Amino acid sequence: MTTSSLYHTQGIVGFNYEKTERTADTEIYYLRSSARQQPCPQCRSWDTSLAETGKTRDIRGLCIGLKNADAHCHPPRQVPDMRYIEP
């Protein structure tokens, strides 16, 4: 399954497909965020950076045929861009 088919079957936007694991009744899709920059949720400033974290998130999706579909994501974390913070 590709990024395009995940978009059309599950409505997933902003993530790139990495791989699929299949068990007897579940398909697990491994995804990674494609975002390069996001605004700060408090002040809406674009002077932020995204940092990779070791955290993962499992999201249950819609069934595909008789199999359950789960997405295993690595969500990024926003950190202030230190170049723009005044001392």
N, C-alpha and C. Protein backbone atom coordinates (compact mmCIF):
# COMPACT_ATOMS: atom_id res chain seq x y z
N MET A 1 0.84 -1.17 0.00
CA MET A 1 0.00 0.00 0.00
C MET A 1 0.89 1.23 0.00
N THR A 2 0.54 2.21 -0.79
CA THR A 2 1.35 3.41 -0.92
C THR A 2 0.71 4.58 -0.17
N THR A 3 1.43 5.69 -0.14
CA THR A 3 0.91 6.90 0.50
C THR A 3 -0.41 7.32 -0.15
N SER A 4 -0.49 7.20 -1.47
CA SER A 4 -1.70 7.59 -2.19
C SER A 4 -2.89 6.71 -1.81
N SER A 5 -2.69 5.41 -1.75
CA SER A 5 -3.81 4.54 -1.42
C SER A 5 -4.21 4.68 0.06
N LEU A 6 -3.25 4.99 0.95
CA LEU A 6 -3.62 5.27 2.34
C LEU A 6 -4.46 6.54 2.42
N TYR A 7 -4.17 7.51 1.58
CA TYR A 7 -4.97 8.73 1.55
C TYR A 7 -6.39 8.42 1.10
N HIS A 8 -6.54 7.62 0.05
CA HIS A 8 -7.86 7.35 -0.51
C HIS A 8 -8.68 6.38 0.34
N THR A 9 -8.04 5.43 1.03
CA THR A 9 -8.80 4.47 1.84
C THR A 9 -8.97 4.90 3.28
N GLN A 10 -7.99 5.61 3.85
CA GLN A 10 -8.03 5.97 5.26
C GLN A 10 -8.12 7.48 5.51
N GLY A 11 -7.87 8.29 4.50
CA GLY A 11 -7.91 9.74 4.68
C GLY A 11 -6.68 10.29 5.37
N ILE A 12 -5.56 9.58 5.30
CA ILE A 12 -4.33 9.99 5.97
C ILE A 12 -3.60 11.02 5.12
N VAL A 13 -3.31 12.19 5.70
CA VAL A 13 -2.64 13.28 5.01
C VAL A 13 -1.44 13.72 5.83
N GLY A 14 -0.32 14.06 5.19
CA GLY A 14 0.83 14.60 5.89
C GLY A 14 1.81 13.57 6.41
N PHE A 15 1.65 12.31 6.01
CA PHE A 15 2.55 11.25 6.43
C PHE A 15 3.02 10.47 5.21
N ASN A 16 4.25 9.95 5.26
CA ASN A 16 4.79 9.11 4.20
C ASN A 16 4.80 7.66 4.66
N TYR A 17 4.44 6.79 3.75
CA TYR A 17 4.38 5.36 4.02
C TYR A 17 5.78 4.78 4.07
N GLU A 18 6.06 3.90 5.06
CA GLU A 18 7.35 3.23 5.15
C GLU A 18 7.26 1.74 4.87
N LYS A 19 6.38 1.03 5.60
CA LYS A 19 6.26 -0.41 5.39
C LYS A 19 4.94 -0.91 5.97
N THR A 20 4.63 -2.19 5.69
CA THR A 20 3.42 -2.83 6.18
C THR A 20 3.80 -4.13 6.87
N GLU A 21 3.17 -4.40 8.01
CA GLU A 21 3.27 -5.71 8.66
C GLU A 21 1.88 -6.31 8.67
N ARG A 22 1.79 -7.59 8.32
CA ARG A 22 0.49 -8.26 8.27
C ARG A 22 0.47 -9.42 9.25
N THR A 23 -0.63 -9.52 10.01
CA THR A 23 -0.88 -10.66 10.87
C THR A 23 -2.17 -11.31 10.38
N ALA A 24 -2.69 -12.26 11.15
CA ALA A 24 -3.88 -12.99 10.70
C ALA A 24 -5.07 -12.08 10.44
N ASP A 25 -5.29 -11.09 11.31
CA ASP A 25 -6.48 -10.25 11.13
C ASP A 25 -6.20 -8.75 11.15
N THR A 26 -4.93 -8.35 11.11
CA THR A 26 -4.59 -6.93 11.19
C THR A 26 -3.47 -6.58 10.23
N GLU A 27 -3.58 -5.41 9.63
CA GLU A 27 -2.49 -4.83 8.84
C GLU A 27 -2.01 -3.58 9.57
N ILE A 28 -0.70 -3.50 9.81
CA ILE A 28 -0.12 -2.35 10.50
C ILE A 28 0.73 -1.58 9.50
N TYR A 29 0.38 -0.31 9.30
CA TYR A 29 1.10 0.55 8.37
C TYR A 29 2.02 1.47 9.16
N TYR A 30 3.29 1.48 8.82
CA TYR A 30 4.27 2.32 9.48
C TYR A 30 4.41 3.62 8.69
N LEU A 31 4.19 4.74 9.37
CA LEU A 31 4.18 6.04 8.72
C LEU A 31 5.14 6.99 9.42
N ARG A 32 5.63 7.96 8.67
CA ARG A 32 6.49 9.01 9.23
C ARG A 32 5.98 10.34 8.72
N SER A 33 5.99 11.35 9.58
CA SER A 33 5.48 12.66 9.23
C SER A 33 6.30 13.28 8.10
N SER A 34 5.60 13.91 7.16
CA SER A 34 6.29 14.59 6.06
C SER A 34 6.39 16.10 6.30
N ALA A 35 5.91 16.57 7.45
CA ALA A 35 5.93 18.00 7.77
C ALA A 35 7.37 18.47 7.99
N ARG A 36 7.70 19.61 7.46
CA ARG A 36 9.01 20.21 7.66
C ARG A 36 8.95 21.35 8.67
N GLN A 37 7.79 22.01 8.74
CA GLN A 37 7.62 23.13 9.66
C GLN A 37 6.13 23.31 9.94
N GLN A 38 5.80 23.69 11.16
CA GLN A 38 4.43 23.97 11.56
C GLN A 38 4.42 25.22 12.44
N PRO A 39 3.31 25.95 12.45
CA PRO A 39 3.27 27.14 13.30
C PRO A 39 3.11 26.76 14.76
N CYS A 40 3.54 27.65 15.64
CA CYS A 40 3.38 27.45 17.07
C CYS A 40 1.89 27.47 17.39
N PRO A 41 1.38 26.50 18.17
CA PRO A 41 -0.06 26.48 18.46
C PRO A 41 -0.50 27.63 19.36
N GLN A 42 0.42 28.26 20.10
CA GLN A 42 0.03 29.35 21.00
C GLN A 42 0.07 30.71 20.33
N CYS A 43 1.18 31.03 19.65
CA CYS A 43 1.31 32.38 19.09
C CYS A 43 1.21 32.41 17.57
N ARG A 44 1.10 31.25 16.93
CA ARG A 44 0.98 31.13 15.46
C ARG A 44 2.23 31.61 14.71
N SER A 45 3.35 31.68 15.39
CA SER A 45 4.61 32.06 14.76
C SER A 45 5.18 30.86 14.00
N TRP A 46 5.79 31.12 12.83
CA TRP A 46 6.41 30.05 12.04
C TRP A 46 7.88 29.86 12.43
N ASP A 47 8.36 30.56 13.45
CA ASP A 47 9.75 30.43 13.90
C ASP A 47 9.89 29.23 14.84
N THR A 48 9.58 28.05 14.34
CA THR A 48 9.67 26.81 15.11
C THR A 48 10.41 25.76 14.31
N SER A 49 10.84 24.73 14.99
CA SER A 49 11.48 23.59 14.35
C SER A 49 10.76 22.33 14.81
N LEU A 50 10.86 21.27 14.03
CA LEU A 50 10.29 19.98 14.41
C LEU A 50 11.40 19.04 14.83
N ALA A 51 11.21 18.38 15.95
CA ALA A 51 12.21 17.45 16.46
C ALA A 51 11.64 16.04 16.46
N GLU A 52 12.45 15.08 16.05
CA GLU A 52 12.04 13.68 16.11
C GLU A 52 12.06 13.23 17.56
N THR A 53 11.05 12.49 17.96
CA THR A 53 11.01 11.93 19.31
C THR A 53 10.99 10.42 19.20
N GLY A 54 11.25 9.75 20.28
CA GLY A 54 11.22 8.30 20.29
C GLY A 54 9.81 7.75 20.50
N LYS A 55 8.85 8.64 20.66
CA LYS A 55 7.48 8.22 20.91
C LYS A 55 6.81 7.75 19.62
N THR A 56 5.93 6.78 19.78
CA THR A 56 5.13 6.33 18.65
C THR A 56 3.67 6.38 19.05
N ARG A 57 2.83 6.39 18.06
CA ARG A 57 1.39 6.44 18.30
C ARG A 57 0.71 5.44 17.40
N ASP A 58 -0.15 4.62 17.96
CA ASP A 58 -0.92 3.65 17.18
C ASP A 58 -2.34 4.18 17.03
N ILE A 59 -2.79 4.23 15.78
CA ILE A 59 -4.11 4.76 15.48
C ILE A 59 -4.88 3.69 14.72
N ARG A 60 -6.07 3.38 15.20
CA ARG A 60 -6.91 2.39 14.53
C ARG A 60 -7.63 3.05 13.37
N GLY A 61 -7.54 2.41 12.21
CA GLY A 61 -8.17 2.95 11.01
C GLY A 61 -9.40 2.15 10.63
N LEU A 62 -9.94 2.46 9.47
CA LEU A 62 -11.08 1.73 8.95
C LEU A 62 -10.63 0.36 8.45
N CYS A 63 -11.53 -0.62 8.55
CA CYS A 63 -11.21 -1.96 8.06
C CYS A 63 -11.04 -1.94 6.55
N ILE A 64 -10.12 -2.77 6.09
CA ILE A 64 -9.93 -2.97 4.65
C ILE A 64 -10.29 -4.42 4.38
N GLY A 65 -11.44 -4.63 3.77
CA GLY A 65 -11.93 -5.99 3.60
C GLY A 65 -12.28 -6.56 4.96
N LEU A 66 -11.75 -7.74 5.28
CA LEU A 66 -12.00 -8.35 6.58
C LEU A 66 -10.90 -8.06 7.60
N LYS A 67 -9.87 -7.29 7.20
CA LYS A 67 -8.74 -7.03 8.09
C LYS A 67 -8.86 -5.66 8.75
N ASN A 68 -8.44 -5.62 10.01
CA ASN A 68 -8.34 -4.34 10.72
C ASN A 68 -7.11 -3.61 10.21
N ALA A 69 -7.18 -2.29 10.21
CA ALA A 69 -6.06 -1.48 9.75
C ALA A 69 -5.61 -0.57 10.89
N ASP A 70 -4.34 -0.64 11.23
CA ASP A 70 -3.75 0.24 12.25
C ASP A 70 -2.61 1.02 11.64
N ALA A 71 -2.45 2.27 12.05
CA ALA A 71 -1.33 3.10 11.60
C ALA A 71 -0.39 3.30 12.78
N HIS A 72 0.87 3.03 12.58
CA HIS A 72 1.92 3.18 13.59
C HIS A 72 2.74 4.40 13.17
N CYS A 73 2.57 5.53 13.89
CA CYS A 73 3.16 6.81 13.48
C CYS A 73 4.24 7.27 14.45
N HIS A 74 5.14 8.08 13.93
CA HIS A 74 6.15 8.78 14.72
C HIS A 74 5.85 10.27 14.62
N PRO A 75 5.00 10.81 15.52
CA PRO A 75 4.66 12.23 15.40
C PRO A 75 5.83 13.12 15.82
N PRO A 76 6.07 14.22 15.09
CA PRO A 76 7.14 15.14 15.48
C PRO A 76 6.69 16.03 16.63
N ARG A 77 7.66 16.63 17.30
CA ARG A 77 7.39 17.56 18.40
C ARG A 77 7.90 18.93 18.01
N GLN A 78 7.12 19.96 18.30
CA GLN A 78 7.54 21.32 17.98
C GLN A 78 8.43 21.86 19.07
N VAL A 79 9.49 22.51 18.67
CA VAL A 79 10.38 23.20 19.61
C VAL A 79 10.61 24.60 19.06
N PRO A 80 10.76 25.61 19.93
CA PRO A 80 11.02 26.96 19.43
C PRO A 80 12.37 27.01 18.73
N ASP A 81 12.42 27.76 17.67
CA ASP A 81 13.67 27.92 16.93
C ASP A 81 14.56 28.87 17.72
N MET A 82 15.67 28.37 18.21
CA MET A 82 16.53 29.13 19.12
C MET A 82 17.19 30.34 18.44
N ARG A 83 17.21 30.39 17.12
CA ARG A 83 17.81 31.54 16.44
C ARG A 83 17.02 32.80 16.64
N TYR A 84 15.72 32.66 16.94
CA TYR A 84 14.85 33.84 17.01
C TYR A 84 14.47 34.23 18.43
N ILE A 85 14.97 33.53 19.43
CA ILE A 85 14.65 33.85 20.82
C ILE A 85 15.65 34.90 21.32
N GLU A 86 15.10 35.97 21.88
CA GLU A 86 15.95 37.04 22.40
C GLU A 86 16.51 36.64 23.75
N PRO A 87 17.78 36.95 24.03
CA PRO A 87 18.37 36.59 25.33
C PRO A 87 17.84 37.45 26.46
